[in-house]
Structure formats: C-alpha cells, structure tokens
Protein backbone atom coordinates (compact mmCIF):
# COMPACT_ATOMS: atom_id res chain seq x y z
CA MET A 1 0.04 0.12 -0.03
CA MET A 2 1.13 3.51 -0.66
CA LEU A 3 1.14 6.43 2.05
CA ALA A 4 -1.26 9.11 1.59
CA SER A 5 -0.84 11.71 -0.72
CA THR A 6 2.21 13.71 -0.50
CA SER A 7 -0.03 17.20 -0.84
CA MET A 8 -1.16 16.92 2.71
CA PRO A 9 0.34 19.20 4.96
CA GLN A 10 3.48 18.63 6.93
CA TRP A 11 2.17 19.92 10.69
CA GLY A 12 3.35 17.75 13.56
CA THR A 13 0.39 15.31 14.19
CA MET A 14 0.26 14.81 10.32
CA ALA A 15 3.94 13.85 10.46
CA PHE A 16 3.20 11.49 13.24
CA ALA A 17 0.26 9.90 11.42
CA ARG A 18 2.52 9.40 8.59
CA ARG A 19 5.00 7.26 10.49
CA LEU A 20 2.43 5.55 12.43
CA VAL A 21 0.78 4.46 9.17
CA ALA A 22 4.38 3.34 7.87
CA VAL A 23 4.72 0.97 11.20
CA ILE A 24 1.02 -0.30 10.51
CA GLN A 25 2.10 -1.45 6.90
CA GLY A 26 5.19 -2.84 8.06
CA VAL A 27 3.54 -4.53 10.76
CA THR A 28 0.69 -5.85 8.45
CA ALA A 29 3.48 -7.04 5.98
CA VAL A 30 4.97 -8.91 8.62
CA LEU A 31 2.00 -10.48 9.79
CA MET A 32 0.94 -11.45 6.14
CA LEU A 33 4.64 -13.08 5.59
CA ILE A 34 4.43 -14.93 8.49
CA ALA A 35 0.89 -16.33 7.32
CA VAL A 36 2.11 -17.23 3.80
CA ALA A 37 5.28 -18.89 5.58
CA LEU A 38 2.99 -20.89 8.29
CA ASN A 39 0.77 -21.96 5.14
CA PHE A 40 3.82 -23.07 2.79
CA ALA A 41 5.18 -25.02 5.93
CA ASN A 42 1.84 -26.64 6.58
CA ILE A 43 1.49 -27.49 2.99
CA VAL A 44 5.14 -29.06 2.75
CA GLY A 45 4.05 -30.75 6.15
CA ARG A 46 1.00 -32.30 5.15
CA TYR A 47 1.89 -33.63 1.34
CA VAL A 48 5.60 -34.14 1.83
CA PHE A 49 6.11 -35.32 5.14
CA PHE A 50 2.88 -36.23 5.79
CA HIS A 51 2.62 -34.45 9.31
CA PRO A 52 0.46 -31.23 9.01
CA ILE A 53 1.09 -28.47 11.72
CA ALA A 54 -2.23 -28.97 13.70
CA SER A 55 -2.38 -25.19 14.59
CA ALA A 56 -1.58 -23.79 11.29
CA GLU A 57 -5.06 -22.87 10.38
CA GLU A 58 -5.71 -21.34 13.53
CA ILE A 59 -2.54 -19.19 13.77
CA MET A 60 -3.41 -17.96 10.05
CA LEU A 61 -6.83 -16.80 11.15
CA PHE A 62 -5.50 -14.92 14.01
CA LEU A 63 -2.65 -13.43 11.63
CA LEU A 64 -5.07 -12.60 9.20
CA VAL A 65 -7.67 -11.13 11.60
CA GLY A 66 -4.86 -8.65 12.62
CA THR A 67 -3.83 -7.62 9.35
CA VAL A 68 -7.28 -6.83 8.53
CA PHE A 69 -8.10 -4.82 11.51
CA LEU A 70 -4.87 -3.11 11.65
CA GLY A 71 -4.66 -2.47 7.63
CA ASN A 72 -8.06 -1.05 7.82
CA ALA A 73 -6.26 1.81 9.87
CA VAL A 74 -4.44 2.61 6.92
CA VAL A 75 -7.26 2.46 4.37
CA GLY A 76 -9.23 4.94 6.53
CA PHE A 77 -6.34 7.18 6.98
CA GLU A 78 -6.08 7.27 3.05
CA GLY A 79 -9.93 7.78 2.46
CA LYS A 80 -9.88 4.78 0.46
CA GLN A 81 -12.91 3.11 2.22
CA LEU A 82 -15.87 2.00 0.28
CA ARG A 83 -18.29 4.58 -0.86
CA MET A 84 -20.75 5.38 -3.18
CA ASP A 85 -18.18 7.60 -5.61
CA VAL A 86 -20.95 7.42 -8.59
CA ILE A 87 -23.20 9.53 -6.89
CA LEU A 88 -20.71 11.59 -4.31
CA HIS A 89 -19.14 12.88 -7.82
CA ALA A 90 -22.71 13.78 -9.03
CA LEU A 91 -23.16 16.41 -6.07
CA PRO A 92 -22.00 19.70 -5.82
CA PRO A 93 -18.68 20.45 -4.24
CA LYS A 94 -19.87 21.63 -0.92
CA LEU A 95 -22.80 19.18 -0.56
CA ARG A 96 -19.82 16.36 -1.20
CA ARG A 97 -17.70 18.00 1.63
CA VAL A 98 -20.58 18.06 4.15
CA LEU A 99 -20.98 14.09 3.08
CA ASP A 100 -17.31 13.46 3.30
CA VAL A 101 -17.04 14.91 6.47
CA ALA A 102 -20.11 13.08 7.87
CA ALA A 103 -18.95 9.80 6.78
CA ASP A 104 -15.36 10.75 8.49
CA LEU A 105 -17.54 11.32 11.67
CA THR A 106 -19.63 8.64 11.42
CA THR A 107 -16.66 5.94 10.95
CA ILE A 108 -14.81 7.41 14.06
CA ALA A 109 -18.09 7.14 16.15
CA VAL A 110 -18.88 3.59 15.13
CA CYS A 111 -14.92 2.69 15.45
CA VAL A 112 -15.21 4.21 19.45
CA MET A 113 -18.67 2.46 20.15
CA LEU A 114 -17.19 -0.71 18.98
CA ILE A 115 -14.11 -0.25 21.14
CA VAL A 116 -16.41 0.42 23.95
CA LEU A 117 -18.27 -2.74 23.85
CA ALA A 118 -15.26 -5.16 22.59
CA TRP A 119 -12.82 -4.10 25.27
CA PRO A 120 -14.46 -5.79 28.21
CA ALA A 121 -14.38 -9.04 26.27
CA VAL A 122 -10.73 -8.50 25.77
CA GLU A 123 -10.18 -8.08 29.66
CA MET A 124 -12.69 -10.83 30.19
CA LEU A 125 -10.48 -13.12 28.11
CA ALA A 126 -7.41 -12.07 29.76
CA ALA A 127 -9.00 -12.22 33.21
CA PHE A 128 -9.59 -16.20 32.56
CA ASP A 129 -6.58 -16.79 30.70
CA GLN A 130 -8.68 -18.51 27.95
CA ARG A 131 -6.53 -19.97 25.00
CA SER A 132 -7.20 -21.50 21.74
CA GLU A 133 -8.06 -24.71 20.98
CA ALA A 134 -5.32 -25.83 18.73
CA ALA A 135 -2.45 -23.39 19.13
CA ASP A 136 -2.76 -22.76 22.63
CA ILE A 137 -2.55 -18.70 22.16
CA PRO A 138 -3.96 -16.91 24.87
CA MET A 139 -7.27 -15.53 23.32
CA PHE A 140 -7.08 -11.93 24.42
CA ILE A 141 -3.97 -11.54 21.90
CA PRO A 142 -6.29 -11.97 18.69
CA GLN A 143 -9.42 -10.55 20.02
CA ALA A 144 -7.30 -7.13 21.31
CA LEU A 145 -6.26 -6.73 17.48
CA VAL A 146 -9.97 -5.77 16.43
CA PRO A 147 -10.36 -2.99 18.94
CA ILE A 148 -6.75 -1.77 18.53
CA GLY A 149 -7.43 -1.64 14.84
CA LEU A 150 -10.64 0.42 15.56
CA GLY A 151 -8.83 2.55 17.82
CA LEU A 152 -6.04 3.10 15.28
CA ASN A 153 -8.64 3.77 12.53
CA ALA A 154 -10.44 6.41 14.43
CA LEU A 155 -7.25 8.33 15.32
CA LEU A 156 -6.15 8.32 11.83
CA VAL A 157 -9.49 9.00 10.45
CA GLY A 158 -9.60 12.06 12.77
CA VAL A 159 -6.28 12.82 12.00
CA ARG A 160 -6.89 13.08 8.25
CA LEU A 161 -9.97 15.13 8.79
CA LEU A 162 -8.79 17.67 10.68
CA GLY A 163 -5.76 18.04 8.27
CA SER A 164 -8.46 18.58 5.61
CA PHE A 165 -9.75 21.51 7.59
CA ARG A 166 -6.22 23.00 7.73
CA THR A 167 -5.46 22.59 4.21
CA SER A 168 -9.37 22.88 2.41
CA LEU A 169 -8.43 19.37 1.04
CA PRO A 170 -11.65 17.22 0.27
CA CYS A 171 -11.90 14.51 3.27
C-alpha cells in the first residue's frame, strides 16, 4: 500500500500519523508474510512429510484478523474506504464535502462505540486466561487486535479529517 497523498500538510500531527501508518504497514506486511510462510510449511508438512501443522489454520486466522483490522486503519487514513463515488461525484462540491465530513465522523463514532463494546470482552478473556484450542494462544491477543485496529482507524481518520480542514482538501 502507498502512503497517503504527499499534498497533505506536514504539521506535527500529520507527520506523526504518516510515521504511524508506515509502522502499521510494516506490521501488517510481516503478519501476512508469517501467514504465507506458515501456510507453505503446512503444505510441505502435509503433502511431503504427511505431518501437517495442527494449529496452522488457527494461527493463520489470527494473523489475518490482525492484518485486516490493523490494515483498515491505513485504508481509513488514505480515505479509500468503500463508498458510493458515482453518487458523490454527481453532487455539488459543498454538499460532497458535507457528506465526506459526515462519513468520517460516523466512522469515528462507530469505531469508538465498537471499542467500548469490545474491550470488556478482551479484558475478560485475559482475566480467565482463555486459550485457543489448537495453538494454545491466549485469546485476548487476537481479540485485542480488533479494538486496537478500530482505535487506530478512528485516530487516523480524525487526523486526516483535521488535516483536510487545515488545507481545504477533500476528506
């Protein structure tokens, strides 16, 4: 994935957000590479040595959950979420701007609401030391990636939104 447009301002918060996006991209790339390597090792183990890695699918699932929820923050920062572009481009610029801001504020509100609802479950999983069936991974780790990713998404969409007001760029 490419970083957001270089036409955005370089004020302190935006520079921090760009560095954070780069870190998230690196982490998600590593998670995907681990999942691919694990899948390859499992295929070799299964079809060459007739001994598959029992927990491979479970671990790959957790890695993909992390990739999706962390990577979604980058998508939010770049403003590349799914949207009804055909309809938006047909609207006058001022109305389009209002709807873009409303969409970003809605994204932030939904992310915050989901974090508030999800975090108690993560705390409960940690308190009970619940572990996955095959890999014996503490379940709070993959489950925590959901609210962490949503929090990063809300933060980065908010930074992009504020930056758009500073430069009069579209959201």
